[in-house]
């Protein structure tokens, strides 16, 4: 069964892919064994992350990027992480509704996921589903995060290229993305650029990038007269030609600026491959995925042992809440027992 399902996915079977994705998200059955079979056949897709504040137009932008890549003859997989419904616990599926134009395209596969309480803008199974789409043979995989603001930095450990979407007219939007998200951007997209305030948003982003460039430059030395000497920021940039995130204007609802955005994304991919940074990001991605998997396994083992020795988690939590148990002592004791 497992081998047959894996072979069907490798052959591009949509139903088999959807089935495995569902089982992986639910942590059901032999889904992990199937993913392990597929894993050696992954590593070929270009993963693009799309993040930014709610209401920035990420879903419409993703829809336009699907069309851009399809017109270039590339197959596309999409993972759209939606907020968890407080009633069903599932994804609201708003993103998939916006991408209905591609629903019947055999070269496109779209899957919505619920965050299920995960922070960082992604679902716990996002990485697994990226591997599945990679094994399925998709050339490009677009991962759209939920849109939670400053904490949405997990995407940097999953994607090769990260697009941070800002939009004018939503208060101090640039200030909102400054902490954390600014550092992960490979390309800035100022969407809804036909709105008043777009020029100001671009200037603010340019100013923040300039500050980051100065902070990252090596410090200058001083001579015996305490005059600055040694290479300054300009020389540092020439000797270490890193990537400078471009700022692209778009109006996603009309498609304006999409060729410019697509070109910026490809320039980044070319730079990744030429500089060796693509390999660096692959290693970082593997590290983050392994740590997440290990954390999940260790936590599951700890909770299982807790239940067998001290009672169910809710009962232990009730004892802690009533101050009958010390959470620090319990955690230290349990961790010591799990340590080999």
Protein backbone atom coordinates (compact mmCIF):
# COMPACT_ATOMS: atom_id res chain seq x y z
CA UNK A 1 0.00 0.00 0.00
CA UNK A 2 2.71 2.46 1.03
CA UNK A 3 4.88 1.75 -2.00
CA UNK A 4 1.90 1.97 -4.35
CA UNK A 5 0.80 5.32 -2.92
CA UNK A 6 4.34 6.70 -3.17
CA UNK A 7 4.64 5.58 -6.79
CA UNK A 8 1.35 7.26 -7.66
CA UNK A 9 2.52 10.52 -6.08
CA UNK A 10 5.83 10.35 -7.94
CA UNK A 11 3.77 9.95 -11.08
CA UNK A 12 1.84 13.14 -10.33
CA UNK A 13 -1.41 11.54 -9.16
CA UNK A 14 -3.54 14.32 -7.65
CA UNK A 15 -5.81 12.08 -5.57
CA UNK A 16 -2.90 10.17 -4.06
CA UNK A 17 -1.16 13.44 -3.23
CA UNK A 18 -4.28 14.88 -1.60
CA UNK A 19 -4.77 11.70 0.43
CA UNK A 20 -1.21 11.70 1.76
CA UNK A 21 -1.40 15.41 2.60
CA UNK A 22 -4.58 14.86 4.58
CA UNK A 23 -3.08 11.91 6.45
CA UNK A 24 0.12 13.81 7.21
CA UNK A 25 -1.81 16.78 8.56
CA UNK A 26 -3.86 14.44 10.76
CA UNK A 27 -0.78 12.35 11.72
CA UNK A 28 -2.71 9.32 10.53
CA UNK A 29 -1.82 5.78 9.57
CA UNK A 30 1.23 5.03 7.46
CA UNK A 31 1.62 8.58 6.19
CA UNK A 32 5.07 9.00 7.72
CA UNK A 33 6.31 5.77 6.13
CA UNK A 34 5.13 7.00 2.73
CA UNK A 35 6.84 10.36 3.23
CA UNK A 36 10.07 8.57 4.15
CA UNK A 37 9.83 6.67 0.86
CA UNK A 38 9.36 9.92 -1.05
CA UNK A 39 12.02 11.95 0.75
CA UNK A 40 15.04 10.81 -1.35
CA UNK A 41 13.19 12.03 -4.46
CA UNK A 42 12.83 15.60 -3.15
CA UNK A 43 15.10 18.65 -3.25
CA UNK A 44 14.37 19.86 -6.78
CA UNK A 45 11.61 22.43 -6.29
CA UNK A 46 12.09 26.18 -5.79
CA UNK A 47 10.23 27.14 -2.61
CA UNK A 48 8.97 30.73 -2.42
CA UNK A 49 7.49 32.06 0.83
CA UNK A 50 4.97 34.90 0.84
CA UNK A 51 4.39 36.69 4.13
CA UNK A 52 3.19 40.02 5.46
CA UNK A 53 0.44 41.69 7.42
CA UNK A 54 -3.22 40.64 7.12
CA UNK A 55 -4.99 42.49 4.34
CA UNK A 56 -1.83 43.11 2.33
CA UNK A 57 -3.18 41.08 -0.60
CA UNK A 58 -0.99 38.00 -0.18
CA UNK A 59 -3.60 35.62 -1.59
CA UNK A 60 -4.24 37.75 -4.68
CA UNK A 61 -0.49 38.10 -5.17
CA UNK A 62 -0.08 34.31 -4.86
CA UNK A 63 -2.81 33.85 -7.45
CA UNK A 64 -0.96 36.16 -9.84
CA UNK A 65 2.34 34.33 -9.22
CA UNK A 66 0.66 31.05 -10.11
CA UNK A 67 -0.33 32.53 -13.46
CA UNK A 68 3.13 34.03 -13.98
CA UNK A 69 4.88 30.69 -13.52
CA UNK A 70 2.31 28.74 -15.51
CA UNK A 71 2.73 31.07 -18.48
CA UNK A 72 6.45 30.27 -18.27
CA UNK A 73 5.64 26.55 -18.47
CA UNK A 74 6.41 25.71 -14.82
CA UNK A 75 4.22 23.48 -12.68
CA UNK A 76 3.15 25.04 -9.39
CA UNK A 77 2.21 23.77 -5.96
CA UNK A 78 0.58 26.07 -3.41
CA UNK A 79 0.29 25.69 0.34
CA UNK A 80 -1.93 28.40 1.79
CA UNK A 81 -1.94 28.49 5.58
CA UNK A 82 -5.27 29.84 6.83
CA UNK A 83 -6.31 30.78 10.36
CA UNK A 84 -7.84 27.92 12.31
CA UNK A 85 -11.60 28.01 12.61
CA UNK A 86 -12.57 28.26 16.30
CA UNK A 87 -15.54 25.99 15.59
CA UNK A 88 -14.26 23.21 13.33
CA UNK A 89 -10.54 23.41 14.03
CA UNK A 90 -9.91 23.40 10.28
CA UNK A 91 -8.82 25.98 7.75
CA UNK A 92 -11.34 28.63 6.73
CA UNK A 93 -10.21 28.09 3.10
CA UNK A 94 -10.41 31.77 2.18
CA UNK A 95 -7.17 31.52 0.23
CA UNK A 96 -8.39 28.66 -1.94
CA UNK A 97 -11.52 30.60 -2.83
CA UNK A 98 -9.37 33.40 -4.26
CA UNK A 99 -7.47 30.94 -6.48
CA UNK A 100 -10.43 29.32 -8.21
CA UNK A 101 -9.16 30.39 -11.65
CA UNK A 102 -6.46 27.71 -11.38
CA UNK A 103 -8.61 24.98 -9.82
CA UNK A 104 -8.96 23.03 -13.07
CA UNK A 105 -5.36 23.48 -14.21
CA UNK A 106 -3.59 20.08 -14.05
CA UNK A 107 -0.27 21.89 -13.61
CA UNK A 108 -1.39 23.48 -10.34
CA UNK A 109 -2.06 21.85 -6.97
CA UNK A 110 -3.47 24.01 -4.15
CA UNK A 111 -3.80 22.91 -0.56
CA UNK A 112 -5.09 24.97 2.39
CA UNK A 113 -3.92 24.23 5.90
CA UNK A 114 -5.08 25.31 9.32
CA UNK A 115 -2.49 26.70 11.73
CA UNK A 116 -4.03 24.62 14.57
CA UNK A 117 -2.59 27.00 17.12
CA UNK A 118 0.93 27.10 15.69
CA UNK A 119 2.78 30.40 15.93
CA UNK A 120 5.11 31.69 13.24
CA UNK A 121 2.52 31.81 10.47
CA UNK A 122 2.80 28.15 9.44
CA UNK A 123 1.10 24.87 10.26
CA UNK A 124 3.03 22.09 11.99
CA UNK A 125 2.81 19.95 8.83
CA UNK A 126 3.74 22.64 6.28
CA UNK A 127 7.25 21.30 5.79
CA UNK A 128 5.97 17.75 5.22
CA UNK A 129 3.53 18.96 2.58
CA UNK A 130 6.27 20.90 0.80
CA UNK A 131 8.22 17.63 0.50
CA UNK A 132 5.14 15.91 -0.97
CA UNK A 133 4.66 18.59 -3.63
CA UNK A 134 8.38 18.44 -4.37
CA UNK A 135 8.22 14.67 -4.84
CA UNK A 136 5.10 15.10 -6.97
CA UNK A 137 7.28 17.02 -9.41
CA UNK A 138 6.20 20.64 -8.94
CA UNK A 139 8.80 23.09 -10.23
CA UNK A 140 7.76 25.94 -7.94
CA UNK A 141 6.10 25.73 -4.53
CA UNK A 142 4.44 28.85 -3.15
CA UNK A 143 3.88 28.92 0.62
CA UNK A 144 1.57 31.68 1.80
CA UNK A 145 1.66 32.28 5.55
CA UNK A 146 -1.35 33.13 7.65
CA UNK A 147 -0.54 36.82 8.12
CA UNK A 148 0.09 37.33 11.80
CA UNK A 149 2.67 40.12 11.65
CA UNK A 150 5.98 40.23 13.48
CA UNK A 151 6.19 36.58 14.54
CA UNK A 152 5.95 35.27 10.99
CA UNK A 153 9.59 34.29 10.58
CA UNK A 154 9.36 30.49 10.38
CA UNK A 155 9.00 30.80 6.64
CA UNK A 156 12.68 31.83 6.43
CA UNK A 157 13.73 28.34 7.49
CA UNK A 158 11.48 26.70 4.89
CA UNK A 159 11.74 28.82 1.72
CA UNK A 160 14.60 29.56 -0.64
CA UNK A 161 13.16 32.99 -1.41
CA UNK A 162 10.98 35.05 0.96
CA UNK A 163 8.69 37.82 -0.29
CA UNK A 164 7.53 40.28 2.38
CA UNK A 165 4.37 42.10 1.30
CA UNK A 166 3.65 45.61 2.57
CA UNK A 167 0.76 47.86 1.63
CA UNK A 168 0.17 51.60 2.05
CA UNK A 169 -2.82 53.00 3.89
CA UNK A 170 -2.84 50.59 6.86
CA UNK A 171 -1.28 52.81 9.50
CA UNK A 172 2.42 52.39 10.12
CA UNK A 173 2.64 49.16 8.17
CA UNK A 174 6.42 49.31 7.76
CA UNK A 175 6.83 49.74 11.49
CA UNK A 176 4.65 46.66 11.96
CA UNK A 177 6.97 44.48 9.90
CA UNK A 178 10.24 45.94 11.17
CA UNK A 179 10.90 43.48 13.97
CA UNK A 180 11.95 40.09 12.72
CA UNK A 181 10.22 40.04 9.34
CA UNK A 182 12.48 42.76 7.88
CA UNK A 183 15.53 40.56 8.34
CA UNK A 184 14.06 37.61 6.46
CA UNK A 185 12.97 39.50 3.33
CA UNK A 186 14.71 38.60 0.08
CA UNK A 187 12.26 40.70 -1.94
CA UNK A 188 9.95 43.45 -0.72
CA UNK A 189 6.64 43.82 -2.52
CA UNK A 190 4.66 47.02 -1.99
CA UNK A 191 1.25 45.83 -3.09
CA UNK A 192 -1.76 48.05 -3.83
CA UNK A 193 0.79 50.56 -5.06
CA UNK A 194 -1.94 52.60 -6.75
CA UNK A 195 -3.03 53.78 -3.31
CA UNK A 196 -1.99 57.05 -1.75
CA UNK A 197 1.05 56.61 0.45
CA UNK A 198 2.85 54.02 -1.69
CA UNK A 199 5.82 56.33 -2.27
CA UNK A 200 6.16 56.90 1.47
CA UNK A 201 6.06 53.15 2.16
CA UNK A 202 8.84 52.61 -0.37
CA UNK A 203 10.95 55.42 1.12
CA UNK A 204 10.49 53.97 4.61
CA UNK A 205 11.61 50.55 3.42
CA UNK A 206 14.62 52.04 1.66
CA UNK A 207 15.56 53.88 4.84
CA UNK A 208 15.29 50.73 6.93
CA UNK A 209 17.43 48.82 4.44
CA UNK A 210 20.04 51.55 4.57
CA UNK A 211 20.15 51.34 8.36
CA UNK A 212 20.51 47.55 8.14
CA UNK A 213 23.34 47.93 5.61
CA UNK A 214 25.23 50.28 7.95
CA UNK A 215 24.71 48.03 10.97
CA UNK A 216 25.96 44.97 9.08
CA UNK A 217 29.06 46.72 7.68
CA UNK A 218 32.39 45.94 9.43
CA UNK A 219 33.50 48.67 11.86
CA UNK A 220 36.14 51.15 10.70
CA UNK A 221 39.52 51.33 12.41
CA UNK A 222 41.29 54.51 13.56
CA UNK A 223 44.85 55.70 13.03
CA UNK A 224 47.22 57.21 15.61
CA UNK A 225 45.53 60.60 15.21
CA UNK A 226 42.12 59.03 15.87
CA UNK A 227 41.04 59.59 12.29
CA UNK A 228 38.88 56.89 10.66
CA UNK A 229 40.84 54.44 8.54
CA UNK A 230 40.26 51.13 6.85
CA UNK A 231 37.44 50.01 4.57
CA UNK A 232 34.11 51.75 4.95
CA UNK A 233 30.65 50.45 4.12
CA UNK A 234 31.08 51.04 0.38
CA UNK A 235 34.28 48.97 0.24
CA UNK A 236 32.66 46.29 2.35
CA UNK A 237 29.80 46.01 -0.13
CA UNK A 238 32.25 45.74 -3.04
CA UNK A 239 34.37 43.05 -1.39
CA UNK A 240 31.38 41.07 -0.15
CA UNK A 241 28.69 41.33 -2.81
CA UNK A 242 25.69 40.07 -0.86
CA UNK A 243 22.05 40.27 -1.82
CA UNK A 244 20.30 43.62 -1.52
CA UNK A 245 16.51 43.06 -1.28
CA UNK A 246 14.79 44.92 -4.12
CA UNK A 247 11.53 46.78 -3.56
CA UNK A 248 8.90 46.06 -6.20
CA UNK A 249 5.60 47.88 -6.75
CA UNK A 250 2.56 45.76 -7.62
CA UNK A 251 -1.19 46.05 -7.97
CA UNK A 252 -2.09 42.37 -7.67
CA UNK A 253 -5.77 42.75 -8.55
CA UNK A 254 -4.82 44.02 -12.02
CA UNK A 255 -1.51 42.19 -12.47
CA UNK A 256 0.46 45.42 -12.63
CA UNK A 257 4.09 44.93 -11.64
CA UNK A 258 3.96 41.13 -11.69
CA UNK A 259 6.64 40.78 -14.41
CA UNK A 260 8.92 42.97 -12.28
CA UNK A 261 8.24 40.83 -9.22
CA UNK A 262 8.87 37.63 -11.17
CA UNK A 263 12.15 39.02 -12.48
CA UNK A 264 13.25 40.00 -8.96
CA UNK A 265 12.49 36.51 -7.69
CA UNK A 266 14.54 34.93 -10.48
CA UNK A 267 17.45 37.27 -9.83
CA UNK A 268 17.44 36.07 -6.24
CA UNK A 269 17.40 32.41 -7.29
CA UNK A 270 20.31 33.07 -9.67
CA UNK A 271 22.23 34.76 -6.85
CA UNK A 272 21.52 31.85 -4.48
CA UNK A 273 22.92 29.36 -6.96
CA UNK A 274 25.95 31.46 -7.96
CA UNK A 275 26.93 32.39 -4.39
CA UNK A 276 26.44 28.95 -2.86
CA UNK A 277 23.76 30.33 -0.55
CA UNK A 278 21.18 27.91 -1.89
CA UNK A 279 23.13 25.04 -0.33
CA UNK A 280 23.45 27.05 2.90
CA UNK A 281 19.69 27.53 3.01
CA UNK A 282 19.07 23.87 2.26
CA UNK A 283 21.23 22.91 5.26
CA UNK A 284 19.46 25.47 7.46
CA UNK A 285 16.10 24.16 6.25
CA UNK A 286 17.12 20.56 7.05
CA UNK A 287 18.36 21.63 10.48
CA UNK A 288 15.15 23.48 11.35
CA UNK A 289 13.00 20.61 10.11
CA UNK A 290 14.98 18.03 12.04
CA UNK A 291 14.84 20.05 15.26
CA UNK A 292 11.09 20.53 14.87
CA UNK A 293 10.60 16.81 14.29
CA UNK A 294 12.83 15.95 17.24
CA UNK A 295 11.01 18.42 19.48
CA UNK A 296 7.67 16.89 18.53
CA UNK A 297 8.88 13.34 19.22
CA UNK A 298 10.47 14.27 22.55
CA UNK A 299 7.36 16.13 23.66
CA UNK A 300 5.14 13.19 22.71
CA UNK A 301 7.42 10.83 24.65
CA UNK A 302 7.46 13.16 27.65
CA UNK A 303 3.67 13.47 27.72
CA UNK A 304 3.27 9.71 27.38
CA UNK A 305 5.59 9.11 30.33
CA UNK A 306 3.88 11.84 32.32
CA UNK A 307 0.54 10.17 31.83
CA UNK A 308 1.86 6.72 32.80
CA UNK A 309 3.61 7.94 35.96
CA UNK A 310 1.77 11.03 37.19
CA UNK A 311 -1.65 10.94 35.54
CA UNK A 312 -3.24 12.71 32.62
CA UNK A 313 -1.98 16.16 31.66
CA UNK A 314 -5.23 17.88 32.72
CA UNK A 315 -5.03 16.27 36.16
CA UNK A 316 -1.40 17.34 36.57
CA UNK A 317 -2.30 20.85 35.39
CA UNK A 318 -5.10 21.00 37.98
CA UNK A 319 -2.62 20.09 40.73
CA UNK A 320 -0.26 22.82 39.51
CA UNK A 321 -3.08 25.38 39.36
CA UNK A 322 -4.08 24.61 42.96
CA UNK A 323 -0.41 24.88 44.01
CA UNK A 324 -0.29 21.24 45.07
CA UNK A 325 2.57 20.55 42.64
CA UNK A 326 5.64 22.47 41.56
CA UNK A 327 5.76 22.71 37.70
CA UNK A 328 9.51 23.38 37.67
CA UNK A 329 10.29 20.35 39.82
CA UNK A 330 7.96 18.12 37.81
CA UNK A 331 9.47 19.25 34.50
CA UNK A 332 13.03 18.79 35.77
CA UNK A 333 12.21 15.34 37.14
CA UNK A 334 10.56 14.21 33.93
CA UNK A 335 13.38 15.58 31.78
CA UNK A 336 15.93 13.76 33.95
CA UNK A 337 14.08 10.47 33.49
CA UNK A 338 13.95 10.92 29.72
CA UNK A 339 17.66 11.73 29.52
CA UNK A 340 19.67 8.60 28.64
